[in-house]
Amino acid sequence: MKKRQLALSLGAIVGGTFLYQASAEASASTVQVKAGDTLWSLSTKYHTTVEALKSVNKLSSNTIHIGQTLSIPSASTSQPSNKEEKPSAPATGSTYKVQSGDTLWKVATRFNMSVEELKRLNALSSNIIYINQTLKVNGSNSASTPTTSKPAETPSKDANGTYKVQRGDSLSKIASTFHMSVSELKQINGLTSNTIYVNQQLKVSKSSQTTTPTTKPSTSTPSTSNGTLNVSQMISDAKRYIGVPYRWGGTTPSGFDCSGFIYYVTKQQISTTRYTTAGYWSVSTPVSNPQPGDLVFFNTYSSGPTHMGIYLGNRQFIHAGSSTGVTIASLDNSYWSKRYLGAKRFSK
């Protein structure tokens, strides 16, 4: 009888231990969303991918909510192999297959392209790409040595003071090379937008202008908003980082949060403090009609300003969104219009 009781006691102990371990394992496979969490930050924390998280939780978008319970994919289904192969240039030199962890910005950088050029080439209307998606790429892989074409050497202007646009060029890059401002480069070439094309001839010297201009250059796009920031350069710099992922507290091109994005863009021109969104709100001057380069503010999850972006004109703004990364959005969007607080002009 005693032996039977002892056996039953041991069985209960072992069974209880098994149930406790099973419960612990079950709880470890889910996580409750906290303030500041995004699918991208959770995928990084739990060594999985955004697509795997969306798949296992049957999510149709990147939007998640505080308090929401998410299942974390098991390592066998989501974690990539420990052997990480560095993507190489496609054999044809014109396509690339998207790998885990890729973003448009990373792919564009690898192939010496801009995000806008990559989107235009692939007819993409958003910054979303998928693992194993095949993208057209015109550039050479920066991680390997090109074999078919010689890398461009330091750009130089010809005897007429002009420069031929190369793949990967932007107005900001060309202006910097020839010690000019973007607005000056646009002015002497009669450009009304920041779009340029490979093999396009641009004047890069004031002397290459005609000596008897008949009309004044258009002033529809202001060169400065407050006497310290060059708006054209500010907007051009901001657009260079379209596709960079969101990162809480991020202030570098490896990841931005909304105020960190503003800080990084403005510090390319001036020495400035790293403010929070509320900080930018308090040190900036209110404006009734926002102009390009002004800051726009929103109330997204608590009282007061909690999100911000740079106004581009035509009711468009660029910002680092928690579910989109750096992207362009509209003030008329139903989500943003309900949360819009107003615009202010930053001058510090």
C-alpha atoms as a PDB file:
ATOM      1  CA  MET A   1       0.000   0.000   0.000  1.00  0.00           C
ATOM      2  CA  LYS A   2       2.804   2.403   0.945  1.00  0.00           C
ATOM      3  CA  LYS A   3       4.585   1.616  -2.314  1.00  0.00           C
ATOM      4  CA  ARG A   4       1.410   2.445  -4.251  1.00  0.00           C
ATOM      5  CA  GLN A   5       0.986   5.776  -2.420  1.00  0.00           C
ATOM      6  CA  LEU A   6       4.625   6.634  -3.067  1.00  0.00           C
ATOM      7  CA  ALA A   7       4.239   5.873  -6.777  1.00  0.00           C
ATOM      8  CA  LEU A   8       1.117   8.030  -6.989  1.00  0.00           C
ATOM      9  CA  SER A   9       2.881  10.924  -5.229  1.00  0.00           C
ATOM     10  CA  LEU A  10       5.859  10.753  -7.566  1.00  0.00           C
ATOM     11  CA  GLY A  11       3.519  10.662 -10.564  1.00  0.00           C
ATOM     12  CA  ALA A  12       1.690  13.763  -9.344  1.00  0.00           C
ATOM     13  CA  ILE A  13       4.978  15.616  -8.887  1.00  0.00           C
ATOM     14  CA  VAL A  14       6.245  14.674 -12.344  1.00  0.00           C
ATOM     15  CA  GLY A  15       2.889  15.469 -13.935  1.00  0.00           C
ATOM     16  CA  GLY A  16       2.733  18.848 -12.194  1.00  0.00           C
ATOM     17  CA  THR A  17       6.249  19.677 -13.366  1.00  0.00           C
ATOM     18  CA  PHE A  18       5.332  18.752 -16.944  1.00  0.00           C
ATOM     19  CA  LEU A  19       2.199  20.924 -16.852  1.00  0.00           C
ATOM     20  CA  TYR A  20       4.178  23.867 -15.432  1.00  0.00           C
ATOM     21  CA  GLN A  21       6.832  23.554 -18.151  1.00  0.00           C
ATOM     22  CA  ALA A  22       4.181  23.254 -20.882  1.00  0.00           C
ATOM     23  CA  SER A  23       2.419  26.333 -19.516  1.00  0.00           C
ATOM     24  CA  ALA A  24       5.687  28.285 -19.423  1.00  0.00           C
ATOM     25  CA  GLU A  25       6.463  27.289 -22.980  1.00  0.00           C
ATOM     26  CA  ALA A  26       2.985  28.329 -24.113  1.00  0.00           C
ATOM     27  CA  SER A  27       3.282  31.726 -22.440  1.00  0.00           C
ATOM     28  CA  ALA A  28       6.725  32.255 -23.999  1.00  0.00           C
ATOM     29  CA  SER A  29       5.140  31.925 -27.482  1.00  0.00           C
ATOM     30  CA  THR A  30       2.981  35.033 -27.124  1.00  0.00           C
ATOM     31  CA  VAL A  31       3.705  38.670 -26.321  1.00  0.00           C
ATOM     32  CA  GLN A  32       1.481  41.590 -25.376  1.00  0.00           C
ATOM     33  CA  VAL A  33       2.068  44.764 -27.411  1.00  0.00           C
ATOM     34  CA  LYS A  34       3.444  47.697 -25.404  1.00  0.00           C
ATOM     35  CA  ALA A  35       3.718  51.412 -26.226  1.00  0.00           C
ATOM     36  CA  GLY A  36       6.370  51.926 -28.893  1.00  0.00           C
ATOM     37  CA  ASP A  37       6.233  48.336 -30.212  1.00  0.00           C
ATOM     38  CA  THR A  38       6.072  47.735 -33.962  1.00  0.00           C
ATOM     39  CA  LEU A  39       6.061  44.524 -35.993  1.00  0.00           C
ATOM     40  CA  TRP A  40       9.609  45.370 -37.052  1.00  0.00           C
ATOM     41  CA  SER A  41      10.894  45.898 -33.475  1.00  0.00           C
ATOM     42  CA  LEU A  42       9.172  42.698 -32.269  1.00  0.00           C
ATOM     43  CA  SER A  43      10.534  40.675 -35.181  1.00  0.00           C
ATOM     44  CA  THR A  44      14.040  41.892 -34.314  1.00  0.00           C
ATOM     45  CA  LYS A  45      13.604  41.179 -30.604  1.00  0.00           C
ATOM     46  CA  TYR A  46      12.313  37.627 -31.142  1.00  0.00           C
ATOM     47  CA  HIS A  47      14.623  36.760 -34.066  1.00  0.00           C
ATOM     48  CA  THR A  48      11.900  36.359 -36.649  1.00  0.00           C
ATOM     49  CA  THR A  49      10.583  38.395 -39.597  1.00  0.00           C
ATOM     50  CA  VAL A  50       7.724  40.840 -40.049  1.00  0.00           C
ATOM     51  CA  GLU A  51       6.149  38.575 -42.673  1.00  0.00           C
ATOM     52  CA  ALA A  52       6.322  35.573 -40.309  1.00  0.00           C
ATOM     53  CA  LEU A  53       4.647  37.596 -37.545  1.00  0.00           C
ATOM     54  CA  LYS A  54       1.912  38.777 -39.906  1.00  0.00           C
ATOM     55  CA  SER A  55       1.382  35.241 -41.225  1.00  0.00           C
ATOM     56  CA  VAL A  56       1.083  33.499 -37.853  1.00  0.00           C
ATOM     57  CA  ASN A  57      -1.217  36.247 -36.507  1.00  0.00           C
ATOM     58  CA  LYS A  58      -3.231  36.534 -39.757  1.00  0.00           C
ATOM     59  CA  LEU A  59      -2.514  40.274 -40.031  1.00  0.00           C
ATOM     60  CA  SER A  60      -3.325  42.023 -43.307  1.00  0.00           C
ATOM     61  CA  SER A  61      -1.382  45.211 -42.442  1.00  0.00           C
ATOM     62  CA  ASN A  62       1.529  46.372 -40.275  1.00  0.00           C
ATOM     63  CA  THR A  63      -0.780  48.042 -37.732  1.00  0.00           C
ATOM     64  CA  ILE A  64      -0.765  46.673 -34.169  1.00  0.00           C
ATOM     65  CA  HIS A  65      -2.345  48.043 -30.978  1.00  0.00           C
ATOM     66  CA  ILE A  66      -1.245  48.450 -27.364  1.00  0.00           C
ATOM     67  CA  GLY A  67      -2.521  45.488 -25.315  1.00  0.00           C
ATOM     68  CA  GLN A  68      -2.894  43.250 -28.389  1.00  0.00           C
ATOM     69  CA  THR A  69      -1.611  39.684 -27.878  1.00  0.00           C
ATOM     70  CA  LEU A  70       0.596  38.377 -30.682  1.00  0.00           C
ATOM     71  CA  SER A  71       1.845  34.861 -31.263  1.00  0.00           C
ATOM     72  CA  ILE A  72       5.595  34.546 -31.843  1.00  0.00           C
ATOM     73  CA  PRO A  73       6.525  32.047 -34.598  1.00  0.00           C
ATOM     74  CA  SER A  74       8.647  29.117 -33.495  1.00  0.00           C
ATOM     75  CA  ALA A  75      12.337  29.126 -34.407  1.00  0.00           C
ATOM     76  CA  SER A  76      11.808  26.207 -36.782  1.00  0.00           C
ATOM     77  CA  THR A  77       9.346  28.196 -38.892  1.00  0.00           C
ATOM     78  CA  SER A  78      10.668  31.716 -38.699  1.00  0.00           C
ATOM     79  CA  GLN A  79      14.282  31.936 -37.638  1.00  0.00           C
ATOM     80  CA  PRO A  80      16.710  32.101 -40.542  1.00  0.00           C
ATOM     81  CA  SER A  81      19.643  29.819 -40.876  1.00  0.00           C
ATOM     82  CA  ASN A  82      22.713  30.762 -38.790  1.00  0.00           C
ATOM     83  CA  LYS A  83      24.714  30.778 -41.966  1.00  0.00           C
ATOM     84  CA  GLU A  84      24.007  34.177 -43.410  1.00  0.00           C
ATOM     85  CA  GLU A  85      24.819  34.513 -47.061  1.00  0.00           C
ATOM     86  CA  LYS A  86      25.599  37.966 -48.314  1.00  0.00           C
ATOM     87  CA  PRO A  87      23.372  38.789 -51.293  1.00  0.00           C
ATOM     88  CA  SER A  88      25.331  38.924 -54.483  1.00  0.00           C
ATOM     89  CA  ALA A  89      24.716  40.720 -57.728  1.00  0.00           C
ATOM     90  CA  PRO A  90      22.340  38.815 -60.039  1.00  0.00           C
ATOM     91  CA  ALA A  91      23.921  36.971 -62.927  1.00  0.00           C
ATOM     92  CA  THR A  92      22.139  39.221 -65.412  1.00  0.00           C
ATOM     93  CA  GLY A  93      23.090  42.373 -63.540  1.00  0.00           C
ATOM     94  CA  SER A  94      19.484  43.613 -63.842  1.00  0.00           C
ATOM     95  CA  THR A  95      17.415  41.790 -61.179  1.00  0.00           C
ATOM     96  CA  TYR A  96      17.716  40.993 -57.475  1.00  0.00           C
ATOM     97  CA  LYS A  97      15.745  38.581 -55.248  1.00  0.00           C
ATOM     98  CA  VAL A  98      14.635  40.116 -51.935  1.00  0.00           C
ATOM     99  CA  GLN A  99      16.193  38.504 -48.845  1.00  0.00           C
ATOM    100  CA  SER A 100      14.978  38.395 -45.232  1.00  0.00           C
ATOM    101  CA  GLY A 101      15.622  41.772 -43.572  1.00  0.00           C
ATOM    102  CA  ASP A 102      15.783  43.735 -46.841  1.00  0.00           C
ATOM    103  CA  THR A 103      14.111  47.117 -47.246  1.00  0.00           C
ATOM    104  CA  LEU A 104      13.857  49.299 -50.336  1.00  0.00           C
ATOM    105  CA  TRP A 105      16.456  51.579 -48.807  1.00  0.00           C
ATOM    106  CA  LYS A 106      18.922  48.723 -48.216  1.00  0.00           C
ATOM    107  CA  VAL A 107      18.461  47.323 -51.731  1.00  0.00           C
ATOM    108  CA  ALA A 108      18.750  50.779 -53.317  1.00  0.00           C
ATOM    109  CA  THR A 109      21.940  51.495 -51.349  1.00  0.00           C
ATOM    110  CA  ARG A 110      23.448  48.135 -52.320  1.00  0.00           C
ATOM    111  CA  PHE A 111      22.942  48.833 -56.002  1.00  0.00           C
ATOM    112  CA  ASN A 112      23.857  52.532 -55.919  1.00  0.00           C
ATOM    113  CA  MET A 113      20.322  53.706 -56.624  1.00  0.00           C
ATOM    114  CA  SER A 114      17.832  55.999 -54.903  1.00  0.00           C
ATOM    115  CA  VAL A 115      14.653  54.551 -53.366  1.00  0.00           C
ATOM    116  CA  GLU A 116      12.545  56.617 -55.776  1.00  0.00           C
ATOM    117  CA  GLU A 117      14.488  55.253 -58.757  1.00  0.00           C
ATOM    118  CA  LEU A 118      14.059  51.676 -57.506  1.00  0.00           C
ATOM    119  CA  LYS A 119      10.297  52.194 -56.995  1.00  0.00           C
ATOM    120  CA  ARG A 120       9.902  53.819 -60.411  1.00  0.00           C
ATOM    121  CA  LEU A 121      11.815  51.014 -62.136  1.00  0.00           C
ATOM    122  CA  ASN A 122       9.595  48.379 -60.497  1.00  0.00           C
ATOM    123  CA  ALA A 123       6.318  50.361 -60.660  1.00  0.00           C
ATOM    124  CA  LEU A 124       5.957  50.193 -56.856  1.00  0.00           C
ATOM    125  CA  SER A 125       3.344  52.431 -55.241  1.00  0.00           C
ATOM    126  CA  SER A 126       4.465  51.757 -51.641  1.00  0.00           C
ATOM    127  CA  ASN A 127       7.631  50.840 -49.722  1.00  0.00           C
ATOM    128  CA  ILE A 128       6.484  47.261 -49.029  1.00  0.00           C
ATOM    129  CA  ILE A 129       8.545  44.413 -50.504  1.00  0.00           C
ATOM    130  CA  TYR A 130       8.440  40.665 -49.870  1.00  0.00           C
ATOM    131  CA  ILE A 131      10.970  37.876 -49.381  1.00  0.00           C
ATOM    132  CA  ASN A 132      11.833  36.212 -52.739  1.00  0.00           C
ATOM    133  CA  GLN A 133      10.290  39.106 -54.692  1.00  0.00           C
ATOM    134  CA  THR A 134      12.337  39.832 -57.816  1.00  0.00           C
ATOM    135  CA  LEU A 135      13.246  43.479 -58.284  1.00  0.00           C
ATOM    136  CA  LYS A 136      14.774  45.185 -61.287  1.00  0.00           C
ATOM    137  CA  VAL A 137      18.016  46.930 -60.372  1.00  0.00           C
ATOM    138  CA  ASN A 138      20.094  49.111 -62.637  1.00  0.00           C
ATOM    139  CA  GLY A 139      23.070  49.625 -60.362  1.00  0.00           C
ATOM    140  CA  SER A 140      26.031  47.412 -59.592  1.00  0.00           C
ATOM    141  CA  ASN A 141      26.177  45.603 -56.249  1.00  0.00           C
ATOM    142  CA  SER A 142      28.227  47.741 -53.869  1.00  0.00           C
ATOM    143  CA  ALA A 143      29.206  44.554 -52.010  1.00  0.00           C
ATOM    144  CA  SER A 144      31.015  43.119 -55.027  1.00  0.00           C
ATOM    145  CA  THR A 145      33.439  44.302 -57.638  1.00  0.00           C
ATOM    146  CA  PRO A 146      31.699  45.089 -60.930  1.00  0.00           C
ATOM    147  CA  THR A 147      33.131  43.252 -63.895  1.00  0.00           C
ATOM    148  CA  THR A 148      31.306  44.849 -66.804  1.00  0.00           C
ATOM    149  CA  SER A 149      31.682  48.545 -66.101  1.00  0.00           C
ATOM    150  CA  LYS A 150      34.297  50.711 -64.486  1.00  0.00           C
ATOM    151  CA  PRO A 151      33.071  52.522 -61.360  1.00  0.00           C
ATOM    152  CA  ALA A 152      32.546  56.217 -61.853  1.00  0.00           C
ATOM    153  CA  GLU A 153      35.516  58.278 -60.813  1.00  0.00           C
ATOM    154  CA  THR A 154      35.308  61.677 -59.166  1.00  0.00           C
ATOM    155  CA  PRO A 155      32.745  63.614 -61.213  1.00  0.00           C
ATOM    156  CA  SER A 156      34.144  66.417 -63.312  1.00  0.00           C
ATOM    157  CA  LYS A 157      32.625  69.112 -65.445  1.00  0.00           C
ATOM    158  CA  ASP A 158      33.538  69.590 -69.091  1.00  0.00           C
ATOM    159  CA  ALA A 159      34.958  72.713 -70.718  1.00  0.00           C
ATOM    160  CA  ASN A 160      31.461  74.177 -71.013  1.00  0.00           C
ATOM    161  CA  GLY A 161      30.846  73.872 -67.271  1.00  0.00           C
ATOM    162  CA  THR A 162      28.351  71.011 -67.583  1.00  0.00           C
ATOM    163  CA  TYR A 163      28.119  67.588 -65.970  1.00  0.00           C
ATOM    164  CA  LYS A 164      26.488  64.378 -67.268  1.00  0.00           C
ATOM    165  CA  VAL A 165      24.254  62.697 -64.675  1.00  0.00           C
ATOM    166  CA  GLN A 166      25.453  59.227 -63.626  1.00  0.00           C
ATOM    167  CA  ARG A 167      23.451  56.355 -62.184  1.00  0.00           C
ATOM    168  CA  GLY A 168      22.912  56.898 -58.460  1.00  0.00           C
ATOM    169  CA  ASP A 169      23.240  60.686 -58.675  1.00  0.00           C
ATOM    170  CA  SER A 170      20.870  63.074 -56.920  1.00  0.00           C
ATOM    171  CA  LEU A 171      20.661  66.859 -56.981  1.00  0.00           C
ATOM    172  CA  SER A 172      22.003  66.952 -53.429  1.00  0.00           C
ATOM    173  CA  LYS A 173      24.990  64.773 -54.335  1.00  0.00           C
ATOM    174  CA  ILE A 174      25.850  66.777 -57.464  1.00  0.00           C
ATOM    175  CA  ALA A 175      25.419  70.112 -55.689  1.00  0.00           C
ATOM    176  CA  SER A 176      27.740  68.966 -52.897  1.00  0.00           C
ATOM    177  CA  THR A 177      30.343  67.738 -55.397  1.00  0.00           C
ATOM    178  CA  PHE A 178      30.491  71.085 -57.167  1.00  0.00           C
ATOM    179  CA  HIS A 179      30.176  73.193 -54.000  1.00  0.00           C
ATOM    180  CA  MET A 180      26.724  74.532 -54.782  1.00  0.00           C
ATOM    181  CA  SER A 181      23.330  74.523 -53.064  1.00  0.00           C
ATOM    182  CA  VAL A 182      20.502  72.408 -54.480  1.00  0.00           C
ATOM    183  CA  SER A 183      18.392  75.527 -55.063  1.00  0.00           C
ATOM    184  CA  GLU A 184      21.263  77.144 -56.994  1.00  0.00           C
ATOM    185  CA  LEU A 185      21.727  74.019 -59.124  1.00  0.00           C
ATOM    186  CA  LYS A 186      17.985  73.915 -59.890  1.00  0.00           C
ATOM    187  CA  GLN A 187      17.944  77.630 -60.650  1.00  0.00           C
ATOM    188  CA  ILE A 188      20.711  77.637 -63.263  1.00  0.00           C
ATOM    189  CA  ASN A 189      19.183  74.568 -64.938  1.00  0.00           C
ATOM    190  CA  GLY A 190      15.577  75.788 -64.848  1.00  0.00           C
ATOM    191  CA  LEU A 191      14.458  72.744 -62.832  1.00  0.00           C
ATOM    192  CA  THR A 192      11.092  72.827 -61.068  1.00  0.00           C
ATOM    193  CA  SER A 193      11.459  69.474 -59.280  1.00  0.00           C
ATOM    194  CA  ASN A 194      14.229  67.288 -57.846  1.00  0.00           C
ATOM    195  CA  THR A 195      13.903  64.667 -60.600  1.00  0.00           C
ATOM    196  CA  ILE A 196      16.962  64.091 -62.796  1.00  0.00           C
ATOM    197  CA  TYR A 197      17.836  61.368 -65.324  1.00  0.00           C
ATOM    198  CA  VAL A 198      20.894  59.325 -66.242  1.00  0.00           C
ATOM    199  CA  ASN A 199      22.920  61.050 -69.015  1.00  0.00           C
ATOM    200  CA  GLN A 200      21.100  64.355 -68.469  1.00  0.00           C
ATOM    201  CA  GLN A 201      23.415  67.345 -68.949  1.00  0.00           C
ATOM    202  CA  LEU A 202      23.395  69.784 -66.041  1.00  0.00           C
ATOM    203  CA  LYS A 203      25.080  73.160 -65.772  1.00  0.00           C
ATOM    204  CA  VAL A 204      27.331  73.126 -62.709  1.00  0.00           C
ATOM    205  CA  SER A 205      28.949  76.531 -63.050  1.00  0.00           C
ATOM    206  CA  LYS A 206      27.409  79.981 -62.747  1.00  0.00           C
ATOM    207  CA  SER A 207      29.427  81.050 -65.788  1.00  0.00           C
ATOM    208  CA  SER A 208      27.541  78.494 -67.886  1.00  0.00           C
ATOM    209  CA  GLN A 209      24.349  80.533 -67.478  1.00  0.00           C
ATOM    210  CA  THR A 210      23.280  82.780 -70.295  1.00  0.00           C
ATOM    211  CA  THR A 211      24.628  86.288 -69.754  1.00  0.00           C
ATOM    212  CA  THR A 212      21.347  88.034 -70.588  1.00  0.00           C
ATOM    213  CA  PRO A 213      18.530  86.243 -68.789  1.00  0.00           C
ATOM    214  CA  THR A 214      15.135  87.627 -69.801  1.00  0.00           C
ATOM    215  CA  THR A 215      13.136  86.444 -66.801  1.00  0.00           C
ATOM    216  CA  LYS A 216      13.761  85.951 -63.146  1.00  0.00           C
ATOM    217  CA  PRO A 217      13.964  82.364 -61.884  1.00  0.00           C
ATOM    218  CA  SER A 218      10.742  81.057 -60.381  1.00  0.00           C
ATOM    219  CA  THR A 219      10.421  81.609 -56.644  1.00  0.00           C
ATOM    220  CA  SER A 220       7.506  79.223 -56.131  1.00  0.00           C
ATOM    221  CA  THR A 221       9.688  77.016 -53.923  1.00  0.00           C
ATOM    222  CA  PRO A 222      11.251  79.069 -51.121  1.00  0.00           C
ATOM    223  CA  SER A 223      14.947  78.537 -50.560  1.00  0.00           C
ATOM    224  CA  THR A 224      14.636  79.040 -46.808  1.00  0.00           C
ATOM    225  CA  SER A 225      11.834  78.865 -44.288  1.00  0.00           C
ATOM    226  CA  ASN A 226      13.434  80.682 -41.407  1.00  0.00           C
ATOM    227  CA  GLY A 227      16.779  82.119 -42.470  1.00  0.00           C
ATOM    228  CA  THR A 228      18.830  79.161 -41.255  1.00  0.00           C
ATOM    229  CA  LEU A 229      17.551  76.041 -43.017  1.00  0.00           C
ATOM    230  CA  ASN A 230      17.657  75.649 -46.793  1.00  0.00           C
ATOM    231  CA  VAL A 231      14.239  74.131 -47.478  1.00  0.00           C
ATOM    232  CA  SER A 232      15.123  72.580 -50.840  1.00  0.00           C
ATOM    233  CA  GLN A 233      18.101  70.794 -49.311  1.00  0.00           C
ATOM    234  CA  MET A 234      16.063  69.812 -46.250  1.00  0.00           C
ATOM    235  CA  ILE A 235      13.353  68.181 -48.354  1.00  0.00           C
ATOM    236  CA  SER A 236      15.870  66.585 -50.714  1.00  0.00           C
ATOM    237  CA  ASP A 237      17.806  65.137 -47.760  1.00  0.00           C
ATOM    238  CA  ALA A 238      14.586  63.843 -46.173  1.00  0.00           C
ATOM    239  CA  LYS A 239      13.458  62.051 -49.362  1.00  0.00           C
ATOM    240  CA  ARG A 240      16.796  60.255 -49.626  1.00  0.00           C
ATOM    241  CA  TYR A 241      15.777  58.145 -46.628  1.00  0.00           C
ATOM    242  CA  ILE A 242      12.359  56.994 -47.844  1.00  0.00           C
ATOM    243  CA  GLY A 243      12.118  53.307 -46.944  1.00  0.00           C
ATOM    244  CA  VAL A 244      14.393  53.456 -43.874  1.00  0.00           C
ATOM    245  CA  PRO A 245      12.699  51.375 -41.140  1.00  0.00           C
ATOM    246  CA  TYR A 246      11.218  52.794 -37.945  1.00  0.00           C
ATOM    247  CA  ARG A 247      13.261  52.369 -34.771  1.00  0.00           C
ATOM    248  CA  TRP A 248      12.199  53.694 -31.355  1.00  0.00           C
ATOM    249  CA  GLY A 249      14.699  56.414 -30.390  1.00  0.00           C
ATOM    250  CA  GLY A 250      16.544  56.007 -33.708  1.00  0.00           C
ATOM    251  CA  THR A 251      18.506  58.968 -35.083  1.00  0.00           C
ATOM    252  CA  THR A 252      20.524  57.363 -37.909  1.00  0.00           C
ATOM    253  CA  PRO A 253      19.763  55.901 -41.373  1.00  0.00           C
ATOM    254  CA  SER A 254      19.737  52.420 -39.827  1.00  0.00           C
ATOM    255  CA  GLY A 255      16.406  53.387 -38.239  1.00  0.00           C
ATOM    256  CA  PHE A 256      14.503  56.560 -37.229  1.00  0.00           C
ATOM    257  CA  ASP A 257      11.672  57.472 -34.930  1.00  0.00           C
ATOM    258  CA  CYS A 258       9.640  60.559 -35.896  1.00  0.00           C
ATOM    259  CA  SER A 259      11.609  63.178 -33.952  1.00  0.00           C
ATOM    260  CA  GLY A 260      14.926  61.415 -34.590  1.00  0.00           C
ATOM    261  CA  PHE A 261      14.259  61.725 -38.333  1.00  0.00           C
ATOM    262  CA  ILE A 262      13.713  65.497 -38.016  1.00  0.00           C
ATOM    263  CA  TYR A 263      16.865  65.809 -35.908  1.00  0.00           C
ATOM    264  CA  TYR A 264      19.005  63.909 -38.435  1.00  0.00           C
ATOM    265  CA  VAL A 265      17.725  65.900 -41.430  1.00  0.00           C
ATOM    266  CA  THR A 266      18.123  69.326 -39.789  1.00  0.00           C
ATOM    267  CA  LYS A 267      21.574  68.603 -38.370  1.00  0.00           C
ATOM    268  CA  GLN A 268      22.871  68.162 -41.924  1.00  0.00           C
ATOM    269  CA  GLN A 269      22.692  71.972 -42.113  1.00  0.00           C
ATOM    270  CA  ILE A 270      22.796  73.355 -38.567  1.00  0.00           C
ATOM    271  CA  SER A 271      24.050  72.430 -35.122  1.00  0.00           C
ATOM    272  CA  THR A 272      20.914  71.499 -33.219  1.00  0.00           C
ATOM    273  CA  THR A 273      19.600  69.743 -30.122  1.00  0.00           C
ATOM    274  CA  ARG A 274      17.985  66.296 -30.178  1.00  0.00           C
ATOM    275  CA  TYR A 275      14.432  67.241 -29.172  1.00  0.00           C
ATOM    276  CA  THR A 276      11.448  64.979 -28.600  1.00  0.00           C
ATOM    277  CA  THR A 277       8.250  65.667 -30.542  1.00  0.00           C
ATOM    278  CA  ALA A 278       6.946  67.694 -27.590  1.00  0.00           C
ATOM    279  CA  GLY A 279      10.284  69.518 -27.480  1.00  0.00           C
ATOM    280  CA  TYR A 280      10.073  70.539 -31.153  1.00  0.00           C
ATOM    281  CA  TRP A 281       6.510  71.703 -30.512  1.00  0.00           C
ATOM    282  CA  SER A 282       7.572  73.936 -27.611  1.00  0.00           C
ATOM    283  CA  VAL A 283      10.571  75.599 -29.331  1.00  0.00           C
ATOM    284  CA  SER A 284       8.935  76.176 -32.733  1.00  0.00           C
ATOM    285  CA  THR A 285       6.788  79.096 -33.887  1.00  0.00           C
ATOM    286  CA  PRO A 286       3.128  78.485 -34.873  1.00  0.00           C
ATOM    287  CA  VAL A 287       2.154  79.195 -38.511  1.00  0.00           C
ATOM    288  CA  SER A 288      -1.386  79.397 -39.869  1.00  0.00           C
ATOM    289  CA  ASN A 289      -0.550  78.210 -43.402  1.00  0.00           C
ATOM    290  CA  PRO A 290       2.301  75.690 -43.489  1.00  0.00           C
ATOM    291  CA  GLN A 291       5.004  76.149 -46.111  1.00  0.00           C
ATOM    292  CA  PRO A 292       7.449  73.495 -47.368  1.00  0.00           C
ATOM    293  CA  GLY A 293       9.972  72.837 -44.630  1.00  0.00           C
ATOM    294  CA  ASP A 294       7.591  73.589 -41.749  1.00  0.00           C
ATOM    295  CA  LEU A 295       6.931  70.909 -39.148  1.00  0.00           C
ATOM    296  CA  VAL A 296       3.487  69.315 -38.822  1.00  0.00           C
ATOM    297  CA  PHE A 297       2.327  67.763 -35.546  1.00  0.00           C
ATOM    298  CA  PHE A 298      -0.196  65.090 -34.597  1.00  0.00           C
ATOM    299  CA  ASN A 299      -1.785  63.595 -31.481  1.00  0.00           C
ATOM    300  CA  THR A 300      -1.607  59.815 -31.961  1.00  0.00           C
ATOM    301  CA  TYR A 301      -1.711  58.041 -28.610  1.00  0.00           C
ATOM    302  CA  SER A 302      -1.780  60.508 -25.675  1.00  0.00           C
ATOM    303  CA  SER A 303      -2.571  64.149 -24.971  1.00  0.00           C
ATOM    304  CA  GLY A 304      -0.363  66.719 -26.703  1.00  0.00           C
ATOM    305  CA  PRO A 305       1.925  66.296 -29.728  1.00  0.00           C
ATOM    306  CA  THR A 306       3.175  62.705 -30.089  1.00  0.00           C
ATOM    307  CA  HIS A 307       4.084  62.501 -33.779  1.00  0.00           C
ATOM    308  CA  MET A 308       5.580  64.866 -36.355  1.00  0.00           C
ATOM    309  CA  GLY A 309       6.803  65.232 -39.931  1.00  0.00           C
ATOM    310  CA  ILE A 310       8.126  67.733 -42.480  1.00  0.00           C
ATOM    311  CA  TYR A 311       5.591  69.515 -44.675  1.00  0.00           C
ATOM    312  CA  LEU A 312       6.344  69.139 -48.416  1.00  0.00           C
ATOM    313  CA  GLY A 313       3.566  71.250 -49.916  1.00  0.00           C
ATOM    314  CA  ASN A 314       0.285  70.238 -51.591  1.00  0.00           C
ATOM    315  CA  ARG A 315      -0.854  68.869 -48.198  1.00  0.00           C
ATOM    316  CA  GLN A 316       1.829  66.187 -48.291  1.00  0.00           C
ATOM    317  CA  PHE A 317       4.336  65.498 -45.513  1.00  0.00           C
ATOM    318  CA  ILE A 318       7.244  63.112 -44.976  1.00  0.00           C
ATOM    319  CA  HIS A 319       7.659  61.319 -41.663  1.00  0.00           C
ATOM    320  CA  ALA A 320       8.995  58.207 -39.943  1.00  0.00           C
ATOM    321  CA  GLY A 321       5.876  56.143 -39.189  1.00  0.00           C
ATOM    322  CA  SER A 322       5.955  53.286 -36.695  1.00  0.00           C
ATOM    323  CA  SER A 323       4.355  50.873 -39.192  1.00  0.00           C
ATOM    324  CA  THR A 324       5.748  52.309 -42.440  1.00  0.00           C
ATOM    325  CA  GLY A 325       9.222  53.674 -41.754  1.00  0.00           C
ATOM    326  CA  VAL A 326      10.118  56.855 -43.628  1.00  0.00           C
ATOM    327  CA  THR A 327       7.346  57.589 -46.109  1.00  0.00           C
ATOM    328  CA  ILE A 328       5.218  60.367 -47.600  1.00  0.00           C
ATOM    329  CA  ALA A 329       1.619  60.782 -46.430  1.00  0.00           C
ATOM    330  CA  SER A 330      -1.256  63.210 -46.914  1.00  0.00           C
ATOM    331  CA  LEU A 331      -2.813  65.526 -44.345  1.00  0.00           C
ATOM    332  CA  ASP A 332      -6.136  64.605 -45.962  1.00  0.00           C
ATOM    333  CA  ASN A 333      -5.716  60.939 -45.043  1.00  0.00           C
ATOM    334  CA  SER A 334      -8.561  59.964 -42.698  1.00  0.00           C
ATOM    335  CA  TYR A 335      -6.132  58.814 -39.993  1.00  0.00           C
ATOM    336  CA  TRP A 336      -3.925  61.913 -40.020  1.00  0.00           C
ATOM    337  CA  SER A 337      -6.644  64.515 -40.583  1.00  0.00           C
ATOM    338  CA  LYS A 338      -8.384  63.516 -37.330  1.00  0.00           C
ATOM    339  CA  ARG A 339      -5.139  63.740 -35.362  1.00  0.00           C
ATOM    340  CA  TYR A 340      -3.615  66.887 -36.888  1.00  0.00           C
ATOM    341  CA  LEU A 341      -2.657  69.523 -34.278  1.00  0.00           C
ATOM    342  CA  GLY A 342      -1.113  72.197 -36.497  1.00  0.00           C
ATOM    343  CA  ALA A 343       2.109  73.400 -38.097  1.00  0.00           C
ATOM    344  CA  LYS A 344       5.099  75.224 -36.653  1.00  0.00           C
ATOM    345  CA  ARG A 345       8.352  76.669 -37.975  1.00  0.00           C
ATOM    346  CA  PHE A 346      11.610  75.406 -36.466  1.00  0.00           C
ATOM    347  CA  SER A 347      14.380  77.959 -36.210  1.00  0.00           C
ATOM    348  CA  LYS A 348      16.944  76.631 -33.703  1.00  0.00           C
END
